[in-house]
Protein backbone atom coordinates (compact mmCIF):
# COMPACT_ATOMS: atom_id res chain seq x y z
CA MET A 1 71.13 -27.14 28.05
CA ILE A 2 69.38 -28.26 24.48
CA THR A 3 68.94 -26.43 21.35
CA ILE A 4 66.74 -26.12 18.98
CA GLU A 5 69.90 -27.11 16.72
CA ASN A 6 70.82 -29.77 18.55
CA HIS A 7 66.80 -30.83 19.46
CA ALA A 8 66.18 -31.03 15.37
CA ILE A 9 69.13 -33.45 14.89
CA LEU A 10 68.68 -36.08 18.24
CA ALA A 11 67.16 -38.68 15.38
CA ASN A 12 70.44 -38.30 13.38
CA ASP A 13 73.18 -38.34 16.01
CA CYS A 14 72.03 -40.38 18.36
CA CYS A 15 69.78 -43.37 17.22
CA GLN A 16 71.15 -46.71 17.39
CA PRO A 17 70.18 -49.32 14.48
CA ILE A 18 68.31 -52.61 15.92
CA GLU A 19 69.18 -56.47 14.98
CA SER A 20 65.95 -56.92 13.03
CA ASN A 21 64.16 -55.73 10.47
CA GLU A 22 67.15 -52.78 10.52
CA ASP A 23 65.53 -51.19 7.12
CA GLU A 24 62.13 -50.33 8.10
CA SER A 25 62.50 -50.08 11.31
CA PRO A 26 61.17 -46.35 12.57
CA VAL A 27 64.24 -45.62 14.19
CA ASN A 28 66.01 -46.22 10.83
CA LEU A 29 63.29 -44.91 8.70
CA LEU A 30 63.70 -41.41 11.03
CA ASN A 31 67.39 -41.48 10.41
CA ARG A 32 66.80 -40.76 6.46
CA SER A 33 66.53 -37.39 5.40
CA PRO A 34 63.45 -35.12 4.80
CA ARG A 35 65.31 -33.93 1.86
CA LYS A 36 62.50 -35.36 -0.30
CA VAL A 37 59.57 -32.91 1.28
CA CYS A 38 61.96 -30.34 2.14
CA PHE A 39 62.15 -29.87 -1.67
CA GLY A 40 58.62 -30.14 -2.05
CA ILE A 41 58.15 -27.04 0.14
CA LEU A 42 61.12 -25.39 -1.26
CA PHE A 43 59.65 -25.91 -4.62
CA TYR A 44 55.94 -24.34 -3.45
CA VAL A 45 57.68 -21.25 -1.93
CA ILE A 46 60.13 -20.66 -5.24
CA VAL A 47 57.09 -20.54 -7.29
CA ALA A 48 55.05 -18.13 -5.21
CA PHE A 49 58.23 -15.49 -4.88
CA CYS A 50 58.75 -16.09 -8.50
CA GLU A 51 54.97 -14.93 -9.49
CA VAL A 52 56.15 -11.79 -9.96
CA LEU A 53 58.21 -13.09 -13.35
CA TRP A 54 54.97 -14.44 -15.24
CA LYS A 55 52.74 -11.73 -13.89
CA SER A 56 55.13 -8.90 -15.00
CA SER A 57 55.57 -10.11 -18.74
CA GLN A 58 53.98 -8.71 -21.70
CA ASN A 59 53.92 -12.63 -23.50
CA ALA A 60 50.23 -13.57 -23.02
CA PHE A 61 51.07 -17.44 -23.53
CA PHE A 62 54.03 -16.68 -20.90
CA GLN A 63 51.44 -15.48 -18.57
CA GLN A 64 48.81 -18.75 -19.21
CA ALA A 65 51.65 -21.05 -18.37
CA GLY A 66 53.07 -19.33 -15.56
CA TYR A 67 49.15 -20.07 -14.06
CA PHE A 68 50.08 -23.81 -13.97
CA LEU A 69 52.85 -23.92 -11.79
CA TYR A 70 50.54 -24.11 -8.91
CA PRO A 71 49.01 -27.28 -9.61
CA ILE A 72 52.21 -28.40 -10.32
CA SER A 73 53.50 -27.50 -6.94
CA PHE A 74 50.63 -28.28 -5.37
CA ILE A 75 51.11 -32.05 -6.73
CA VAL A 76 54.98 -31.74 -5.99
CA PHE A 77 54.62 -31.16 -2.78
CA CYS A 78 51.79 -33.49 -1.50
CA LEU A 79 53.78 -36.54 -3.60
CA PHE A 80 56.86 -35.73 -1.47
CA SER A 81 54.95 -34.72 1.43
CA LEU A 82 53.11 -37.78 1.34
CA SER A 83 55.92 -40.31 0.32
CA HIS A 84 57.35 -38.64 3.58
CA ILE A 85 54.52 -39.53 5.89
CA ILE A 86 54.22 -42.79 4.77
CA SER A 87 57.89 -43.93 4.69
CA HIS A 88 58.80 -42.26 7.91
CA LYS A 89 55.55 -43.36 9.88
CA LEU A 90 54.97 -39.84 11.28
CA TYR A 91 51.43 -41.06 12.20
CA LEU A 92 53.20 -42.47 14.75
CA LEU A 93 53.98 -39.59 16.57
CA CYS A 94 50.61 -38.15 16.53
CA LYS A 95 48.31 -37.67 19.35
CA ARG A 96 44.94 -39.81 18.78
CA GLY A 97 42.53 -36.64 18.92
CA HIS A 98 45.11 -34.69 16.36
CA LEU A 99 45.06 -37.41 13.77
CA VAL A 100 41.46 -37.84 13.67
CA ARG A 101 41.11 -34.05 13.01
CA VAL A 102 43.25 -33.89 10.34
CA VAL A 103 41.70 -36.81 9.34
CA LEU A 104 38.24 -34.74 9.74
CA LEU A 105 39.46 -31.87 8.31
CA THR A 106 40.77 -33.50 5.30
CA LEU A 107 37.14 -35.49 4.33
CA LEU A 108 35.10 -32.16 4.78
CA LEU A 109 37.25 -30.43 2.65
CA THR A 110 36.68 -32.95 -0.53
CA MET A 111 32.83 -32.59 0.35
CA LEU A 112 33.31 -28.71 0.35
CA LEU A 113 35.32 -29.17 -3.24
CA CYS A 114 31.86 -31.17 -4.29
CA TYR A 115 29.89 -28.60 -3.07
CA GLY A 116 31.49 -25.92 -5.11
CA LEU A 117 31.72 -27.97 -8.24
CA LEU A 118 28.05 -28.47 -7.37
CA ARG A 119 26.85 -24.67 -6.60
CA GLY A 120 29.33 -23.66 -9.88
CA ASN A 121 31.52 -21.51 -7.84
CA SER A 122 34.65 -20.06 -9.96
CA MET A 123 36.99 -23.05 -10.93
CA VAL A 124 39.75 -20.32 -10.02
CA LEU A 125 38.64 -19.69 -6.49
CA ILE A 126 38.32 -23.28 -6.26
CA ILE A 127 41.60 -24.53 -7.33
CA ARG A 128 43.21 -21.37 -5.19
CA GLU A 129 41.50 -22.95 -1.96
CA LEU A 130 41.80 -26.18 -2.31
CA ILE A 131 45.68 -25.68 -2.77
CA PHE A 132 45.93 -23.78 -0.06
CA LEU A 133 43.79 -25.74 2.89
CA TYR A 134 44.41 -29.16 1.53
CA SER A 135 48.39 -27.63 2.22
CA LEU A 136 47.68 -26.45 5.67
CA ALA A 137 46.25 -30.29 6.24
CA ILE A 138 49.66 -31.92 4.93
CA PHE A 139 51.79 -29.20 7.21
CA LEU A 140 49.42 -30.10 10.62
CA ILE A 141 51.54 -33.86 10.24
CA LEU A 142 54.43 -33.18 8.80
CA GLY A 143 55.10 -30.93 12.11
CA VAL A 144 55.28 -33.31 14.58
CA ASP A 145 59.25 -34.00 12.37
CA GLU A 146 61.02 -31.57 13.88
CA ARG A 147 63.48 -31.64 11.27
CA VAL A 148 60.92 -30.35 8.74
CA THR A 149 60.03 -26.87 10.51
CA HIS A 150 63.93 -26.63 11.24
CA PHE A 151 64.91 -26.52 8.03
CA THR A 152 61.52 -24.42 6.79
CA MET A 153 62.31 -21.92 9.17
CA LYS A 154 65.98 -21.65 8.15
CA PHE A 155 64.61 -21.50 4.21
CA LEU A 156 61.70 -18.56 5.20
CA THR A 157 64.75 -16.52 6.83
CA VAL A 158 66.33 -15.87 3.72
CA VAL A 159 63.31 -15.63 2.19
CA PHE A 160 62.26 -13.11 4.33
CA TRP A 161 65.32 -11.36 3.62
CA ALA A 162 65.07 -11.84 -0.20
CA ALA A 163 61.68 -10.00 0.04
CA PHE A 164 62.57 -7.33 2.41
CA ILE A 165 65.64 -6.27 -0.38
CA LEU A 166 63.42 -6.82 -3.48
CA SER A 167 60.43 -4.80 -1.34
CA LEU A 168 63.16 -1.51 -0.88
CA LEU A 169 63.81 -1.99 -4.90
CA THR A 170 60.03 -2.14 -5.97
CA PHE A 171 58.10 -0.36 -4.03
CA ASN A 172 58.36 3.26 -6.30
CA ILE A 173 57.14 0.30 -9.56
CA ARG A 174 54.08 0.14 -10.40
CA SER A 175 52.47 -3.47 -10.12
CA PRO A 176 50.86 -4.92 -13.63
CA GLU A 177 48.59 -6.38 -10.89
CA SER A 178 47.77 -3.42 -9.32
CA ASP A 179 45.03 -4.09 -7.38
CA ILE A 180 41.55 -2.27 -8.23
CA PHE A 181 41.88 0.17 -5.41
CA ALA A 182 45.59 1.05 -6.65
CA ALA A 183 44.19 4.65 -7.71
CA ALA A 184 43.19 5.72 -4.68
CA SER A 185 46.86 5.55 -3.02
CA MET A 186 47.31 9.05 -4.58
CA GLU A 187 43.79 10.34 -3.18
CA LYS A 188 43.67 12.13 -0.03
CA GLY A 189 41.47 11.46 2.18
CA TYR A 190 41.24 7.91 1.07
CA GLY A 191 42.17 5.00 3.24
CA LEU A 192 44.88 4.04 0.63
CA TYR A 193 46.27 7.32 0.19
CA ASP A 194 50.29 7.09 -0.18
CA ARG A 195 50.64 3.24 0.65
CA HIS A 196 52.55 1.92 -2.11
CA VAL A 197 49.27 -0.36 -2.94
CA ASP A 198 49.92 0.19 -6.16
CA SER A 199 53.69 -1.30 -6.48
CA ILE A 200 55.36 -4.37 -7.56
CA ALA A 201 56.60 -4.56 -3.57
CA TYR A 202 53.12 -4.62 -2.02
CA ALA A 203 51.45 -7.23 -4.86
CA PHE A 204 53.93 -9.60 -5.19
CA PHE A 205 56.19 -9.42 -2.01
CA ARG A 206 54.20 -7.91 1.06
CA PRO A 207 53.35 -11.81 2.19
CA PHE A 208 57.05 -13.14 2.79
CA ILE A 209 57.03 -9.97 5.03
CA ASP A 210 54.96 -11.52 7.66
CA LEU A 211 57.05 -14.60 8.16
CA ALA A 212 59.26 -11.93 10.39
CA LEU A 213 57.23 -12.27 13.18
CA PRO A 214 57.27 -15.66 14.33
CA LEU A 215 61.44 -16.27 12.63
CA PHE A 216 61.75 -13.08 15.58
CA ILE A 217 60.37 -15.34 18.24
CA ARG A 218 62.68 -18.44 17.16
CA GLY A 219 65.57 -16.22 17.07
CA TRP A 220 65.31 -15.26 20.20
CA LEU A 221 64.83 -18.37 21.75
CA GLU A 222 67.28 -20.28 19.84
CA ARG A 223 70.60 -17.93 20.31
CA THR A 224 73.56 -20.55 19.30
CA ASN A 225 73.24 -21.10 15.82
CA ARG A 226 74.28 -18.53 12.85
CA TRP A 227 70.33 -17.60 12.03
CA HIS A 228 70.22 -16.67 15.68
CA TYR A 229 71.03 -12.24 14.26
CA LEU A 230 68.92 -12.87 11.20
CA GLN A 231 65.70 -13.95 12.48
CA ILE A 232 66.40 -11.22 15.32
CA LEU A 233 66.62 -8.22 13.13
CA SER A 234 63.67 -9.66 10.89
CA LEU A 235 61.62 -7.66 12.88
CA VAL A 236 63.20 -4.35 12.50
CA GLY A 237 62.88 -5.05 8.50
CA TYR A 238 58.94 -6.16 9.37
CA LEU A 239 58.52 -2.55 10.98
CA VAL A 240 60.07 -0.78 7.81
CA ILE A 241 57.92 -2.31 5.19
CA ASN A 242 54.26 -2.66 7.11
CA VAL A 243 54.60 0.66 9.04
CA GLY A 244 57.26 2.22 7.06
CA LEU A 245 55.86 2.20 3.07
CA TYR A 246 52.63 -0.02 4.26
CA LYS A 247 51.52 2.57 7.01
CA PHE A 248 49.84 -0.47 8.78
CA ARG A 249 48.30 0.37 12.15
CA GLY A 250 47.98 -3.40 12.86
CA ALA A 251 51.99 -3.85 12.26
CA LEU A 252 52.99 -2.24 15.75
CA VAL A 253 50.26 -4.07 17.51
CA PHE A 254 51.71 -7.59 16.85
CA SER A 255 55.29 -6.45 16.74
CA ALA A 256 54.25 -5.13 20.37
CA LEU A 257 52.50 -8.89 20.97
CA VAL A 258 55.56 -10.76 19.29
CA ALA A 259 57.94 -8.54 21.70
CA ILE A 260 55.68 -9.34 24.89
CA ALA A 261 55.95 -13.25 23.70
CA ALA A 262 59.89 -12.53 23.86
CA LEU A 263 59.39 -11.10 27.03
CA VAL A 264 57.60 -13.98 28.86
CA MET A 265 59.69 -16.81 27.23
CA PRO A 266 62.19 -18.78 29.56
CA SER A 267 65.09 -16.41 29.79
CA GLY A 268 67.48 -15.15 32.65
CA ILE A 269 66.86 -11.51 33.68
CA ALA A 270 70.02 -9.95 31.81
CA ARG A 271 67.87 -11.08 28.47
CA LYS A 272 64.86 -9.27 29.20
CA ILE A 273 66.34 -6.17 30.52
CA LYS A 274 68.16 -6.45 26.96
CA LEU A 275 65.00 -6.97 25.26
CA ILE A 276 62.97 -3.65 26.98
CA CYS A 277 66.57 -1.71 25.93
CA ILE A 278 66.18 -2.53 22.29
CA THR A 279 62.80 -1.82 22.05
CA LEU A 280 62.86 1.62 23.93
CA ILE A 281 65.47 2.45 21.37
CA VAL A 282 63.30 1.51 18.28
CA ILE A 283 60.43 3.69 19.58
CA LEU A 284 63.33 7.03 20.01
CA LEU A 285 63.86 5.42 15.86
CA ALA A 286 60.06 5.79 15.11
CA SER A 287 59.32 8.84 17.42
CA SER A 288 61.69 10.52 14.64
CA TRP A 289 60.21 9.09 11.81
CA LEU A 290 56.75 10.53 12.43
CA VAL A 291 57.87 14.06 12.04
CA THR A 292 58.37 13.29 8.54
CA LYS A 293 55.50 13.31 5.69
CA GLU A 294 56.17 9.50 5.72
CA GLY A 295 54.94 9.52 9.06
CA ASP A 296 52.63 12.24 9.05
CA VAL A 297 50.55 9.74 7.05
CA PHE A 298 50.85 7.10 9.36
CA THR A 299 49.53 9.03 12.05
CA GLY A 300 46.68 10.48 10.06
CA ARG A 301 45.78 6.85 10.03
CA VAL A 302 46.19 5.96 13.41
CA LYS A 303 43.60 9.29 14.46
CA GLU A 304 41.34 8.57 11.28
CA PHE A 305 41.02 5.58 9.61
CA ASP A 306 39.35 7.42 5.94
CA LYS A 307 37.34 10.28 5.47
CA SER A 308 35.38 8.29 2.03
CA ASN A 309 32.34 6.18 1.96
CA LYS A 310 33.83 3.99 -0.69
CA VAL A 311 34.26 1.16 1.16
CA VAL A 312 33.36 -0.28 4.52
CA GLY A 313 35.29 0.93 6.97
CA TYR A 314 35.54 -0.97 9.72
CA ARG A 315 34.99 -4.62 10.73
CA SER A 316 31.60 -4.55 12.98
CA PRO A 317 29.17 -3.03 10.32
CA GLU A 318 31.17 -5.52 8.02
CA VAL A 319 30.83 -8.11 10.29
CA VAL A 320 26.80 -7.24 10.66
CA TYR A 321 26.28 -7.08 6.89
CA TYR A 322 27.97 -10.37 6.32
CA PHE A 323 25.52 -12.17 8.33
CA ARG A 324 22.69 -10.32 6.78
CA ILE A 325 23.64 -11.08 3.45
CA MET A 326 24.66 -14.71 3.99
CA ASP A 327 21.19 -15.53 5.61
CA ASN A 328 21.64 -19.20 6.86
CA ASP A 329 24.50 -19.94 4.57
CA TRP A 330 27.34 -19.29 7.22
CA LEU A 331 25.98 -22.71 9.09
CA TRP A 332 27.31 -25.29 6.23
CA GLY A 333 29.26 -22.45 3.96
CA ARG A 334 29.02 -22.21 0.39
CA GLY A 335 31.85 -24.76 -0.74
CA LEU A 336 35.10 -23.92 -2.05
CA GLY A 337 35.21 -21.03 -4.07
CA GLY A 338 32.29 -19.64 -2.48
CA THR A 339 31.53 -15.70 -2.60
CA PHE A 340 29.04 -13.13 -1.33
CA PHE A 341 28.02 -9.25 -2.26
CA ALA A 342 29.99 -7.18 0.23
CA ARG A 343 29.13 -3.87 -1.14
CA TRP A 344 32.71 -2.63 -0.99
CA SER A 345 31.87 -0.07 -4.18
CA LEU A 346 29.29 2.17 -4.76
CA LYS A 347 28.24 0.67 -7.94
CA ALA A 348 25.92 -2.03 -8.22
CA ASN A 349 28.21 -3.80 -11.01
CA ASP A 350 31.36 -2.89 -10.08
CA PRO A 351 33.53 -6.39 -9.24
CA VAL A 352 35.29 -5.64 -6.22
CA ASN A 353 31.90 -6.24 -4.17
CA ILE A 354 31.99 -9.78 -5.17
CA ARG A 355 34.25 -11.26 -2.41
CA SER A 356 35.84 -14.92 -1.19
CA GLY A 357 36.49 -13.41 2.56
CA VAL A 358 35.74 -11.06 5.28
CA HIS A 359 38.14 -8.71 6.76
CA VAL A 360 37.67 -11.37 9.84
CA GLY A 361 39.68 -13.64 8.78
CA TRP A 362 37.43 -16.27 11.15
CA LEU A 363 34.38 -15.74 9.45
CA SER A 364 36.12 -16.85 6.11
CA PHE A 365 36.04 -20.10 6.85
CA THR A 366 31.70 -19.98 7.80
CA LEU A 367 31.94 -18.54 4.39
CA PHE A 368 33.48 -21.74 2.11
CA GLY A 369 32.79 -24.24 5.06
CA GLY A 370 30.23 -22.95 7.64
CA LEU A 371 30.61 -23.64 11.19
CA PRO A 372 32.20 -27.29 10.61
CA LEU A 373 34.81 -26.29 9.38
CA LEU A 374 35.46 -22.98 11.63
CA LEU A 375 35.06 -25.71 14.32
CA ILE A 376 37.58 -28.00 13.18
CA MET A 377 39.87 -25.28 12.73
CA LEU A 378 39.16 -23.85 16.13
CA THR A 379 40.08 -27.30 18.02
CA PHE A 380 43.80 -27.23 16.85
CA PHE A 381 44.13 -23.83 18.41
CA ALA A 382 42.36 -24.74 21.32
CA ALA A 383 44.75 -27.71 21.60
CA GLY A 384 47.88 -25.95 23.25
CA ILE A 385 45.29 -23.85 25.64
CA LYS A 386 46.12 -26.71 28.57
CA LYS A 387 50.39 -26.63 28.91
CA ASP A 388 51.91 -29.94 28.53
CA LYS A 389 54.52 -29.99 31.33
CA ARG A 390 56.26 -33.12 29.64
CA LYS A 391 57.13 -31.00 26.77
CA ARG A 392 58.34 -27.58 28.87
CA ARG A 393 62.08 -28.32 26.73
CA ASP A 394 61.10 -29.13 23.32
CA PRO A 395 61.89 -25.74 21.90
CA TYR A 396 59.47 -25.74 18.65
CA TYR A 397 56.29 -26.24 21.58
CA ILE A 398 57.64 -23.30 23.28
CA ILE A 399 57.39 -21.32 20.24
CA ALA A 400 54.26 -23.22 19.09
CA ARG A 401 52.81 -21.94 22.50
CA LEU A 402 53.99 -18.04 21.86
CA TRP A 403 53.24 -17.82 18.23
CA VAL A 404 49.59 -19.52 17.91
CA PRO A 405 47.87 -16.99 20.24
CA ILE A 406 49.49 -14.26 18.23
CA VAL A 407 47.84 -16.13 14.88
CA PHE A 408 44.73 -16.53 16.60
CA VAL A 409 44.07 -12.47 17.25
CA ASP A 410 45.45 -12.00 14.08
CA TRP A 411 42.76 -13.58 12.50
CA LEU A 412 40.23 -11.78 14.60
CA VAL A 413 40.96 -8.53 12.85
CA ASN A 414 42.56 -8.97 9.26
CA PRO A 415 41.13 -11.19 6.65
CA LEU A 416 42.62 -14.62 5.60
CA GLU A 417 44.64 -14.54 2.50
CA LEU A 418 44.63 -17.77 0.59
CA GLY A 419 46.88 -16.87 -2.35
CA LEU A 420 50.37 -19.23 -2.80
CA ALA A 421 52.21 -16.43 -1.61
CA TYR A 422 50.33 -16.58 1.72
CA LEU A 423 51.07 -20.39 1.99
CA PRO A 424 54.71 -20.30 3.42
CA VAL A 425 53.36 -17.98 6.61
CA TYR A 426 50.15 -19.84 6.83
CA GLY A 427 52.37 -22.95 6.52
CA LEU A 428 54.99 -22.46 9.26
CA THR A 429 52.06 -21.55 11.64
CA PHE A 430 50.75 -25.08 10.48
CA LEU A 431 54.15 -26.83 11.44
CA LEU A 432 53.79 -25.31 14.65
CA LEU A 433 50.35 -26.01 15.35
CA ALA A 434 51.19 -29.69 15.10
CA GLN A 435 53.68 -29.33 17.79
CA PHE A 436 50.55 -29.93 19.87
CA GLY A 437 49.58 -32.89 18.27
CA LYS A 438 52.84 -34.71 19.32
CA ARG A 439 52.30 -37.23 21.72
CA PRO A 440 53.43 -36.38 25.03
CA VAL A 441 56.69 -38.09 26.10
CA SER A 442 58.56 -38.38 29.78
CA GLU A 443 59.16 -34.86 31.46
CA GLY A 444 62.76 -33.56 30.21
CA SER A 445 63.02 -35.80 27.49
CA ALA A 446 62.86 -35.82 23.56
CA PHE A 447 61.30 -38.91 22.12
CA GLU A 448 61.98 -40.58 18.84
CA HIS A 449 60.13 -43.43 17.02
CA SER A 450 60.09 -46.58 19.00
CA GLN A 451 59.74 -49.80 17.80
CA ASP A 452 56.14 -50.38 17.91
CA GLY A 453 55.34 -46.59 17.70
CA VAL A 454 55.09 -46.53 21.94
CA HIS A 455 57.36 -49.04 23.65
CA GLY A 456 60.78 -49.49 23.61
CA GLY A 457 61.93 -46.45 21.98
CA ARG A 458 65.02 -43.87 23.33
CA LEU A 459 65.10 -41.17 25.56
CA LEU A 460 67.76 -38.40 25.17
CA GLU A 461 67.65 -36.54 28.32
CA ALA A 462 67.68 -32.44 27.80
CA SER A 463 70.68 -31.92 30.03
CA GLN A 464 72.85 -34.65 28.25
CA PRO A 465 71.51 -35.04 24.71
CA PHE A 466 74.27 -36.12 22.85
CA THR A 467 75.73 -38.51 26.02
CA THR A 468 72.47 -40.84 26.91
CA GLY A 469 72.54 -44.48 26.26
CA PRO A 470 69.14 -46.07 25.25
CA MET A 471 66.51 -46.78 27.51
CA ASN A 472 63.05 -47.89 27.61
CA ILE A 473 60.05 -46.28 28.44
CA GLU A 474 57.31 -47.98 30.17
CA SER A 475 54.31 -45.98 29.47
CA MET A 476 53.53 -43.20 27.30
CA GLN A 477 50.31 -41.26 27.64
CA VAL A 478 48.44 -40.95 24.14
CA ASP A 479 45.35 -38.92 23.52
């Protein structure tokens, strides 16, 4: 059986050098470690993770200097990533249609950047969305190199547990960058009551907790390495933080969805029974928690969303209002940094009314990119609808098939979060989306770069990943 651990290192273990142009052949290029691009991702995450340090500082200079780390981390990531893509010729592993969509996305984002600048949109929002969306486009290419995805998932496992521990230590400490609704966390009858939304844990470490969902799917599929248990247990940590502390009702729904994904995953009946038993144990433990004070707050949120009229309580009225206030702008968007008057507060001049997103995440693409950006994003998700049987042994393709539909549902009911701290979970999603854009290979095989990108490559039989000799490909289907 081919495992994720083995699948990601096949190129290093099995590829043989060719006689001519050894240093520049794609085979030897792929043998080089993706150390630089992994450092770029690592630097990105460290900057996001340490954001609490300068935002909590009392020194104004240190606070302002900290914000320069965002564009610096973006530049470092881009330089290392583009160097990796070009030197390893990753575009040769992309389907033609996938590569065209990535190029169109990049060109469209450039146009939206110019449009946003001409409109005079907020420079802070423009830079934030520029960093975030351009990074996602790069992840769509990096993802075809499975070693990058392999390293990223390992590293993000460590990041999740660090965020989990820090959340438990800081959920009772008031954040200096509290949300504008933070005072409502102490007001009964309000949707944010007793949910620790004014804490350091909520403001800085909550974005990393969502990593648990894709990590659980990865851990349940791969059970032959030391990361297996940490990734499976991450779902328990996710429930403790998002349900136990923050009272997110949707967290239960998405936990159930990843459990269902694990249940339908190709596995033996014994593992399916084990998953059902674990689920029942978690339900029993959760039932005992519901009788506590914290549990009573959660059940109150389940029964009735909000007794106040200070915010838009439900998604549907917000969507109707969004299309009315946007007029025809939703067709072509308002450029990067675009906003709209959301009427979240009863005070007309309240700054909370100026919003850069909608609770229905997919609609946020129409805010700054209109229908063109929305349609391009949908095509990346639609690419995975048709199952490619030739990738049925590709573990990351299996993970993508299970995780991407959950993300699609998530963006139907939750807003897009374009802060740097959310880039790890979004970036991981787009690394997995790249699995739909890789060139298909012969059934039951894993293909590494060939001499000309199409023919003469090496096939590694899934049943014998370490012993198969070189073979020729007579044909490869390209999109």
